[in-house]
């Protein structure tokens, strides 16, 4: 067929096509990107040896962040697959990723029970949740970037005021 096949990928493709998004998924330590309308494979980006557990595409579509089983976040150029950096700090797999709407920050959630915010220009962690239990499976910024919500297998949803760095 020339492109990856699975029911989950087809479901994601259908949803992203409805919203006009690029269709990017991952398997093992490789990221695949293809056109949601045609199913044509447009890019394959090999990882650096660790299983990829999460992926997020930057708002401008130029960079993909991949969370690994080894607790690292790898940053890659979509255009040519070149590595542009790595963020480290999670003490377990990186289960979820979300770019801030302005593309300058990235949020990550991990198997270590933490949610984190990273400054992409300085490649540095700027905030970390404390006292959580369970895996952080999902996170999302509000459209204006002033809030970050996250949750996981502890069945609790948290919301952060990103300017004050305080939960609301």
N, C-alpha and C. Protein backbone atom coordinates (compact mmCIF):
# COMPACT_ATOMS: atom_id res chain seq x y z
N UNK A 1 0.80 -1.20 0.00
CA UNK A 1 0.00 0.00 0.00
C UNK A 1 0.84 1.27 0.00
N UNK A 2 2.08 1.23 0.52
CA UNK A 2 2.92 2.41 0.54
C UNK A 2 2.75 3.27 1.77
N UNK A 3 1.84 2.88 2.69
CA UNK A 3 1.70 3.63 3.93
C UNK A 3 1.26 2.68 5.03
N UNK A 4 1.53 3.08 6.28
CA UNK A 4 1.24 2.22 7.42
C UNK A 4 -0.26 1.98 7.55
N UNK A 5 -0.63 0.80 8.04
CA UNK A 5 -2.04 0.42 8.17
C UNK A 5 -2.35 0.01 9.61
N UNK A 6 -3.44 0.49 10.15
CA UNK A 6 -4.02 -0.01 11.39
C UNK A 6 -5.34 0.69 11.59
N UNK A 7 -6.22 0.08 12.37
CA UNK A 7 -7.52 0.72 12.62
C UNK A 7 -7.34 2.03 13.36
N UNK A 8 -6.45 2.07 14.37
CA UNK A 8 -6.24 3.30 15.12
C UNK A 8 -5.76 4.42 14.20
N UNK A 9 -4.82 4.11 13.33
CA UNK A 9 -4.29 5.13 12.43
C UNK A 9 -5.38 5.65 11.49
N UNK A 10 -6.24 4.74 11.03
CA UNK A 10 -7.35 5.18 10.16
C UNK A 10 -8.33 6.05 10.90
N UNK A 11 -8.61 5.72 12.16
CA UNK A 11 -9.51 6.56 12.98
C UNK A 11 -8.92 7.94 13.17
N UNK A 12 -7.63 7.98 13.52
CA UNK A 12 -6.96 9.27 13.72
C UNK A 12 -6.94 10.06 12.41
N UNK A 13 -6.68 9.39 11.31
CA UNK A 13 -6.65 10.07 10.01
C UNK A 13 -7.99 10.71 9.71
N UNK A 14 -9.07 9.99 9.97
CA UNK A 14 -10.40 10.52 9.70
C UNK A 14 -10.68 11.75 10.55
N UNK A 15 -10.35 11.69 11.84
CA UNK A 15 -10.58 12.83 12.72
C UNK A 15 -9.72 14.03 12.33
N UNK A 16 -8.45 13.76 12.04
CA UNK A 16 -7.57 14.87 11.69
C UNK A 16 -7.94 15.46 10.34
N UNK A 17 -8.42 14.64 9.43
CA UNK A 17 -8.85 15.16 8.14
C UNK A 17 -10.03 16.11 8.32
N UNK A 18 -10.94 15.78 9.24
CA UNK A 18 -12.07 16.66 9.51
C UNK A 18 -11.62 18.04 9.97
N UNK A 19 -10.50 18.09 10.71
CA UNK A 19 -10.00 19.35 11.26
C UNK A 19 -8.84 19.93 10.46
N UNK A 20 -8.50 19.31 9.34
CA UNK A 20 -7.45 19.84 8.46
C UNK A 20 -6.05 19.67 9.00
N UNK A 21 -5.82 18.70 9.87
CA UNK A 21 -4.52 18.52 10.49
C UNK A 21 -3.65 17.56 9.69
N UNK A 22 -2.36 17.65 9.93
CA UNK A 22 -1.41 16.69 9.39
C UNK A 22 -1.58 15.39 10.18
N UNK A 23 -1.42 14.26 9.55
CA UNK A 23 -1.57 12.97 10.20
C UNK A 23 -0.19 12.41 10.50
N UNK A 24 0.18 12.42 11.76
CA UNK A 24 1.47 11.92 12.18
C UNK A 24 1.27 10.87 13.25
N UNK A 25 1.94 9.75 13.14
CA UNK A 25 1.86 8.71 14.16
C UNK A 25 3.24 8.12 14.35
N UNK A 26 3.34 7.17 15.25
CA UNK A 26 4.63 6.58 15.54
C UNK A 26 4.46 5.09 15.78
N UNK A 27 5.51 4.37 15.55
CA UNK A 27 5.54 2.93 15.84
C UNK A 27 6.99 2.57 16.12
N UNK A 28 7.21 1.93 17.24
CA UNK A 28 8.59 1.61 17.61
C UNK A 28 9.37 2.87 17.81
N UNK A 29 10.50 3.03 17.13
CA UNK A 29 11.28 4.25 17.28
C UNK A 29 11.30 5.06 15.98
N UNK A 30 10.26 4.92 15.16
CA UNK A 30 10.15 5.65 13.90
C UNK A 30 8.84 6.42 13.86
N UNK A 31 8.89 7.65 13.34
CA UNK A 31 7.69 8.48 13.18
C UNK A 31 7.32 8.48 11.71
N UNK A 32 6.03 8.29 11.44
CA UNK A 32 5.51 8.30 10.08
C UNK A 32 4.56 9.47 9.94
N UNK A 33 4.62 10.16 8.82
CA UNK A 33 3.69 11.25 8.53
C UNK A 33 3.16 11.03 7.13
N UNK A 34 1.84 11.16 6.97
CA UNK A 34 1.28 11.01 5.64
C UNK A 34 0.07 11.89 5.47
N UNK A 35 -0.31 12.08 4.24
CA UNK A 35 -1.44 12.93 3.86
C UNK A 35 -2.73 12.23 4.27
N UNK A 36 -3.53 12.90 5.09
CA UNK A 36 -4.77 12.29 5.59
C UNK A 36 -5.80 12.11 4.48
N UNK A 37 -5.75 12.92 3.45
CA UNK A 37 -6.74 12.82 2.38
C UNK A 37 -6.45 11.67 1.43
N UNK A 38 -5.16 11.42 1.15
CA UNK A 38 -4.81 10.40 0.17
C UNK A 38 -4.23 9.13 0.78
N UNK A 39 -3.75 9.23 2.03
CA UNK A 39 -3.11 8.08 2.65
C UNK A 39 -1.67 7.89 2.20
N UNK A 40 -1.15 8.82 1.41
CA UNK A 40 0.21 8.72 0.89
C UNK A 40 1.23 9.06 1.97
N UNK A 41 2.21 8.18 2.15
CA UNK A 41 3.29 8.41 3.10
C UNK A 41 4.10 9.61 2.62
N UNK A 42 4.26 10.62 3.48
CA UNK A 42 5.00 11.82 3.08
C UNK A 42 6.37 11.92 3.73
N UNK A 43 6.58 11.25 4.87
CA UNK A 43 7.86 11.34 5.54
C UNK A 43 8.01 10.21 6.54
N UNK A 44 9.23 9.72 6.69
CA UNK A 44 9.58 8.76 7.73
C UNK A 44 10.78 9.33 8.47
N UNK A 45 10.66 9.47 9.79
CA UNK A 45 11.76 10.01 10.59
C UNK A 45 12.20 8.93 11.57
N UNK A 46 13.39 8.37 11.38
CA UNK A 46 13.86 7.33 12.30
C UNK A 46 14.23 7.94 13.64
N UNK A 47 13.90 7.25 14.72
CA UNK A 47 14.26 7.69 16.06
C UNK A 47 15.71 7.35 16.35
N UNK A 48 16.10 7.59 17.59
CA UNK A 48 17.51 7.35 17.94
C UNK A 48 17.69 6.15 18.84
N UNK A 49 16.85 5.14 18.69
CA UNK A 49 17.07 3.90 19.40
C UNK A 49 16.15 3.62 20.56
N UNK A 50 15.30 4.54 20.96
CA UNK A 50 14.37 4.29 22.06
C UNK A 50 12.94 4.27 21.51
N UNK A 51 12.10 3.42 22.06
CA UNK A 51 10.72 3.32 21.61
C UNK A 51 10.01 4.65 21.84
N UNK A 52 9.29 5.11 20.84
CA UNK A 52 8.54 6.37 20.92
C UNK A 52 7.18 6.08 21.52
N UNK A 53 6.83 6.81 22.58
CA UNK A 53 5.56 6.63 23.28
C UNK A 53 4.56 7.74 23.00
N UNK A 54 5.01 8.90 22.52
CA UNK A 54 4.11 10.02 22.25
C UNK A 54 4.74 10.91 21.19
N UNK A 55 3.89 11.69 20.53
CA UNK A 55 4.38 12.60 19.50
C UNK A 55 3.46 13.80 19.42
N UNK A 56 4.04 14.96 19.09
CA UNK A 56 3.26 16.18 18.90
C UNK A 56 3.91 17.01 17.80
N UNK A 57 3.09 17.59 16.96
CA UNK A 57 3.54 18.43 15.86
C UNK A 57 3.43 19.89 16.29
N UNK A 58 4.48 20.67 16.04
CA UNK A 58 4.47 22.09 16.42
C UNK A 58 3.37 22.83 15.67
N UNK A 59 2.89 23.95 16.23
CA UNK A 59 1.81 24.70 15.57
C UNK A 59 2.14 25.14 14.14
N UNK A 60 3.41 25.41 13.84
CA UNK A 60 3.78 25.81 12.48
C UNK A 60 4.05 24.61 11.57
N UNK A 61 3.98 23.38 12.13
CA UNK A 61 4.17 22.17 11.34
C UNK A 61 5.60 21.86 10.97
N UNK A 62 6.56 22.58 11.54
CA UNK A 62 7.96 22.40 11.14
C UNK A 62 8.76 21.44 12.03
N UNK A 63 8.28 21.23 13.26
CA UNK A 63 9.02 20.40 14.20
C UNK A 63 8.10 19.37 14.82
N UNK A 64 8.63 18.17 15.02
CA UNK A 64 7.88 17.14 15.72
C UNK A 64 8.66 16.79 16.99
N UNK A 65 7.93 16.69 18.09
CA UNK A 65 8.50 16.27 19.35
C UNK A 65 8.07 14.83 19.59
N UNK A 66 9.00 13.99 19.99
CA UNK A 66 8.72 12.57 20.25
C UNK A 66 9.15 12.23 21.66
N UNK A 67 8.20 11.74 22.47
CA UNK A 67 8.51 11.30 23.82
C UNK A 67 8.89 9.83 23.79
N UNK A 68 9.98 9.49 24.46
CA UNK A 68 10.51 8.13 24.38
C UNK A 68 10.27 7.34 25.66
N UNK A 69 10.40 6.05 25.51
CA UNK A 69 10.30 5.14 26.65
C UNK A 69 11.43 5.39 27.64
N UNK A 70 12.54 5.94 27.17
CA UNK A 70 13.71 6.21 28.01
C UNK A 70 13.61 7.51 28.78
N UNK A 71 12.49 8.24 28.66
CA UNK A 71 12.31 9.48 29.41
C UNK A 71 12.84 10.73 28.74
N UNK A 72 13.19 10.64 27.49
CA UNK A 72 13.71 11.79 26.73
C UNK A 72 12.64 12.30 25.77
N UNK A 73 12.79 13.56 25.37
CA UNK A 73 11.95 14.15 24.32
C UNK A 73 12.90 14.53 23.19
N UNK A 74 12.70 13.92 22.04
CA UNK A 74 13.53 14.19 20.88
C UNK A 74 12.79 15.19 19.97
N UNK A 75 13.52 16.17 19.46
CA UNK A 75 12.96 17.18 18.56
C UNK A 75 13.57 17.00 17.18
N UNK A 76 12.69 16.95 16.16
CA UNK A 76 13.12 16.69 14.78
C UNK A 76 12.49 17.69 13.83
N UNK A 77 13.23 18.09 12.79
CA UNK A 77 12.67 18.90 11.71
C UNK A 77 11.82 17.99 10.83
N UNK A 78 10.61 18.41 10.54
CA UNK A 78 9.73 17.61 9.70
C UNK A 78 10.25 17.59 8.26
N UNK A 79 10.77 18.72 7.79
CA UNK A 79 11.20 18.86 6.39
C UNK A 79 12.24 17.82 5.98
N UNK A 80 13.26 17.63 6.83
CA UNK A 80 14.33 16.73 6.42
C UNK A 80 14.67 15.65 7.44
N UNK A 81 13.96 15.61 8.57
CA UNK A 81 14.19 14.60 9.58
C UNK A 81 15.42 14.83 10.44
N UNK A 82 16.04 16.01 10.32
CA UNK A 82 17.23 16.31 11.11
C UNK A 82 16.87 16.54 12.57
N UNK A 83 17.69 16.01 13.46
CA UNK A 83 17.50 16.23 14.89
C UNK A 83 17.84 17.66 15.25
N UNK A 84 17.02 18.29 16.11
CA UNK A 84 17.27 19.68 16.51
C UNK A 84 17.43 19.80 18.03
N UNK A 85 17.43 18.69 18.73
CA UNK A 85 17.66 18.76 20.16
C UNK A 85 16.97 17.66 20.92
N UNK A 86 17.29 17.62 22.20
CA UNK A 86 16.71 16.61 23.08
C UNK A 86 16.50 17.23 24.45
N UNK A 87 15.38 16.90 25.07
CA UNK A 87 15.06 17.36 26.42
C UNK A 87 15.02 16.13 27.31
N UNK A 88 15.60 16.23 28.49
CA UNK A 88 15.61 15.09 29.39
C UNK A 88 15.25 15.50 30.80
N UNK A 89 14.67 14.56 31.53
CA UNK A 89 14.33 14.86 32.91
C UNK A 89 13.31 13.91 33.50
N UNK A 90 12.45 13.36 32.67
CA UNK A 90 11.47 12.40 33.18
C UNK A 90 12.19 11.14 33.66
N UNK A 91 11.70 10.57 34.74
CA UNK A 91 12.28 9.35 35.29
C UNK A 91 11.48 8.12 34.87
N UNK A 92 10.95 8.17 33.70
CA UNK A 92 10.17 7.09 33.11
C UNK A 92 9.75 7.54 31.73
N UNK A 93 8.94 6.75 31.07
CA UNK A 93 8.55 7.08 29.71
C UNK A 93 7.78 8.39 29.63
N UNK A 94 7.90 9.06 28.48
CA UNK A 94 7.16 10.29 28.21
C UNK A 94 5.89 9.88 27.47
N UNK A 95 4.75 9.95 28.17
CA UNK A 95 3.49 9.39 27.69
C UNK A 95 2.64 10.38 26.91
N UNK A 96 2.87 11.69 27.09
CA UNK A 96 2.03 12.68 26.41
C UNK A 96 2.83 13.95 26.18
N UNK A 97 2.49 14.63 25.07
CA UNK A 97 3.15 15.87 24.69
C UNK A 97 2.13 16.84 24.11
N UNK A 98 2.35 18.14 24.33
CA UNK A 98 1.49 19.17 23.71
C UNK A 98 2.30 20.45 23.57
N UNK A 99 2.26 21.01 22.37
CA UNK A 99 2.88 22.32 22.14
C UNK A 99 1.94 23.42 22.60
N UNK A 100 2.53 24.49 23.17
CA UNK A 100 1.76 25.70 23.45
C UNK A 100 1.36 26.31 22.11
N UNK A 101 0.25 27.03 22.06
CA UNK A 101 -0.20 27.59 20.78
C UNK A 101 0.83 28.48 20.07
N UNK A 102 1.70 29.16 20.83
CA UNK A 102 2.71 30.01 20.19
C UNK A 102 3.94 29.21 19.75
N UNK A 103 4.00 27.93 20.10
CA UNK A 103 5.11 27.07 19.68
C UNK A 103 6.40 27.26 20.45
N UNK A 104 6.42 28.14 21.44
CA UNK A 104 7.66 28.41 22.17
C UNK A 104 7.87 27.47 23.36
N UNK A 105 6.79 26.82 23.80
CA UNK A 105 6.87 25.90 24.93
C UNK A 105 6.27 24.56 24.54
N UNK A 106 6.68 23.54 25.28
CA UNK A 106 6.18 22.20 25.09
C UNK A 106 5.86 21.64 26.47
N UNK A 107 4.70 21.01 26.61
CA UNK A 107 4.35 20.34 27.86
C UNK A 107 4.53 18.84 27.66
N UNK A 108 4.96 18.17 28.72
CA UNK A 108 5.13 16.72 28.67
C UNK A 108 4.53 16.09 29.92
N UNK A 109 4.05 14.88 29.75
CA UNK A 109 3.53 14.10 30.88
C UNK A 109 4.21 12.76 30.88
N UNK A 110 4.53 12.26 32.07
CA UNK A 110 5.32 11.05 32.10
C UNK A 110 4.83 9.95 33.01
N UNK A 111 5.46 8.81 32.82
CA UNK A 111 5.22 7.66 33.65
C UNK A 111 5.69 7.88 35.08
N UNK A 112 6.48 8.93 35.30
CA UNK A 112 6.96 9.27 36.63
C UNK A 112 5.93 10.09 37.41
N UNK A 113 4.75 10.32 36.82
CA UNK A 113 3.69 11.06 37.50
C UNK A 113 3.82 12.57 37.45
N UNK A 114 4.72 13.08 36.61
CA UNK A 114 4.88 14.53 36.53
C UNK A 114 4.41 15.08 35.19
N UNK A 115 3.91 16.31 35.25
CA UNK A 115 3.68 17.12 34.05
C UNK A 115 4.76 18.19 34.10
N UNK A 116 5.27 18.55 32.94
CA UNK A 116 6.36 19.53 32.87
C UNK A 116 6.13 20.49 31.71
N UNK A 117 6.70 21.68 31.83
CA UNK A 117 6.71 22.66 30.73
C UNK A 117 8.16 22.95 30.41
N UNK A 118 8.45 22.96 29.12
CA UNK A 118 9.82 23.18 28.62
C UNK A 118 9.87 24.43 27.76
N UNK A 119 10.91 25.26 27.95
CA UNK A 119 11.20 26.37 27.06
C UNK A 119 12.01 25.79 25.90
N UNK A 120 11.49 25.89 24.69
CA UNK A 120 12.16 25.25 23.55
C UNK A 120 13.38 26.01 23.08
N UNK A 121 13.39 27.34 23.22
CA UNK A 121 14.57 28.10 22.79
C UNK A 121 15.78 27.76 23.65
N UNK A 122 15.57 27.69 24.96
CA UNK A 122 16.67 27.39 25.88
C UNK A 122 16.83 25.92 26.18
N UNK A 123 15.91 25.09 25.65
CA UNK A 123 15.91 23.64 25.88
C UNK A 123 16.00 23.33 27.39
N UNK A 124 15.16 24.03 28.17
CA UNK A 124 15.20 23.88 29.62
C UNK A 124 13.80 23.71 30.20
N UNK A 125 13.72 22.93 31.26
CA UNK A 125 12.47 22.76 31.99
C UNK A 125 12.19 24.05 32.76
N UNK A 126 10.96 24.57 32.66
CA UNK A 126 10.60 25.81 33.37
C UNK A 126 9.56 25.60 34.45
N UNK A 127 8.92 24.43 34.46
CA UNK A 127 7.92 24.12 35.50
C UNK A 127 7.74 22.62 35.58
N UNK A 128 7.46 22.15 36.82
CA UNK A 128 7.20 20.73 37.04
C UNK A 128 6.12 20.59 38.12
N UNK A 129 5.16 19.72 37.87
CA UNK A 129 4.14 19.43 38.87
C UNK A 129 4.77 18.66 40.02
N UNK A 130 4.15 18.74 41.18
CA UNK A 130 4.66 18.01 42.34
C UNK A 130 3.52 17.26 43.00
N UNK A 131 3.86 16.21 43.69
CA UNK A 131 2.90 15.49 44.50
C UNK A 131 1.86 14.67 43.75
N UNK A 132 2.09 14.38 42.50
CA UNK A 132 1.12 13.60 41.74
C UNK A 132 1.36 12.12 41.91
N UNK A 133 0.30 11.37 41.68
CA UNK A 133 0.41 9.92 41.66
C UNK A 133 -0.16 9.43 40.35
N UNK A 134 0.43 8.43 39.79
CA UNK A 134 -0.08 7.86 38.55
C UNK A 134 0.60 8.45 37.33
N UNK A 135 0.33 7.83 36.21
CA UNK A 135 0.91 8.21 34.92
C UNK A 135 0.13 9.37 34.31
N UNK A 136 0.83 10.38 33.79
CA UNK A 136 0.18 11.49 33.09
C UNK A 136 0.00 11.08 31.64
N UNK A 137 -1.24 10.75 31.28
CA UNK A 137 -1.53 10.18 29.97
C UNK A 137 -1.96 11.20 28.92
N UNK A 138 -2.43 12.37 29.36
CA UNK A 138 -2.93 13.35 28.39
C UNK A 138 -2.74 14.75 28.94
N UNK A 139 -2.41 15.68 28.06
CA UNK A 139 -2.35 17.09 28.44
C UNK A 139 -2.64 17.96 27.23
N UNK A 140 -3.12 19.18 27.51
CA UNK A 140 -3.48 20.11 26.42
C UNK A 140 -3.44 21.54 26.93
N UNK A 141 -2.98 22.44 26.07
CA UNK A 141 -3.02 23.87 26.35
C UNK A 141 -4.36 24.42 25.89
N UNK A 142 -4.81 25.47 26.55
CA UNK A 142 -5.99 26.21 26.08
C UNK A 142 -5.59 26.94 24.80
N UNK A 143 -6.58 27.37 23.99
CA UNK A 143 -6.25 28.06 22.73
C UNK A 143 -5.36 29.29 22.90
N UNK A 144 -5.49 30.00 24.01
CA UNK A 144 -4.66 31.17 24.25
C UNK A 144 -3.35 30.85 24.95
N UNK A 145 -3.18 29.60 25.39
CA UNK A 145 -1.95 29.19 26.05
C UNK A 145 -1.86 29.58 27.51
N UNK A 146 -2.93 30.18 28.06
CA UNK A 146 -2.88 30.64 29.45
C UNK A 146 -3.22 29.54 30.45
N UNK A 147 -3.65 28.39 29.98
CA UNK A 147 -3.97 27.26 30.85
C UNK A 147 -3.38 25.98 30.24
N UNK A 148 -2.97 25.08 31.15
CA UNK A 148 -2.56 23.74 30.76
C UNK A 148 -3.36 22.77 31.60
N UNK A 149 -4.02 21.83 30.94
CA UNK A 149 -4.78 20.79 31.65
C UNK A 149 -4.09 19.46 31.43
N UNK A 150 -4.11 18.61 32.46
CA UNK A 150 -3.55 17.27 32.32
C UNK A 150 -4.26 16.30 33.25
N UNK A 151 -4.16 15.04 32.89
CA UNK A 151 -4.77 13.99 33.69
C UNK A 151 -4.15 12.66 33.34
N UNK A 152 -4.55 11.65 34.11
CA UNK A 152 -3.97 10.34 33.86
C UNK A 152 -4.72 9.24 34.55
N UNK A 153 -3.98 8.21 34.91
CA UNK A 153 -4.63 7.03 35.45
C UNK A 153 -5.06 7.17 36.91
N UNK A 154 -4.82 8.34 37.52
CA UNK A 154 -5.32 8.56 38.87
C UNK A 154 -6.72 9.20 38.87
N UNK A 155 -7.28 9.40 37.67
CA UNK A 155 -8.65 9.89 37.48
C UNK A 155 -8.87 11.31 38.01
N UNK A 156 -7.81 12.12 38.02
CA UNK A 156 -7.90 13.51 38.46
C UNK A 156 -7.44 14.41 37.31
N UNK A 157 -8.18 15.49 37.07
CA UNK A 157 -7.78 16.47 36.06
C UNK A 157 -7.24 17.70 36.78
N UNK A 158 -6.09 18.17 36.33
CA UNK A 158 -5.44 19.35 36.91
C UNK A 158 -5.44 20.45 35.86
N UNK A 159 -5.51 21.71 36.32
CA UNK A 159 -5.43 22.86 35.43
C UNK A 159 -4.43 23.85 36.02
N UNK A 160 -3.51 24.28 35.19
CA UNK A 160 -2.44 25.21 35.61
C UNK A 160 -2.64 26.55 34.94
N UNK A 161 -2.53 27.63 35.71
CA UNK A 161 -2.41 28.99 35.16
C UNK A 161 -0.96 29.11 34.73
N UNK A 162 -0.69 29.16 33.45
CA UNK A 162 0.69 29.09 32.96
C UNK A 162 1.49 30.35 33.26
N UNK A 163 0.83 31.50 33.41
CA UNK A 163 1.54 32.73 33.74
C UNK A 163 1.99 32.73 35.21
N UNK A 164 1.08 32.35 36.11
CA UNK A 164 1.37 32.34 37.55
C UNK A 164 2.06 31.05 38.00
N UNK A 165 2.02 30.02 37.14
CA UNK A 165 2.58 28.70 37.47
C UNK A 165 1.91 28.14 38.74
N UNK A 166 0.59 28.33 38.83
CA UNK A 166 -0.20 27.83 39.95
C UNK A 166 -1.40 27.07 39.43
N UNK A 167 -1.74 25.98 40.13
CA UNK A 167 -2.96 25.27 39.77
C UNK A 167 -4.17 26.11 40.14
N UNK A 168 -5.19 26.02 39.28
CA UNK A 168 -6.45 26.76 39.56
C UNK A 168 -7.53 25.78 39.95
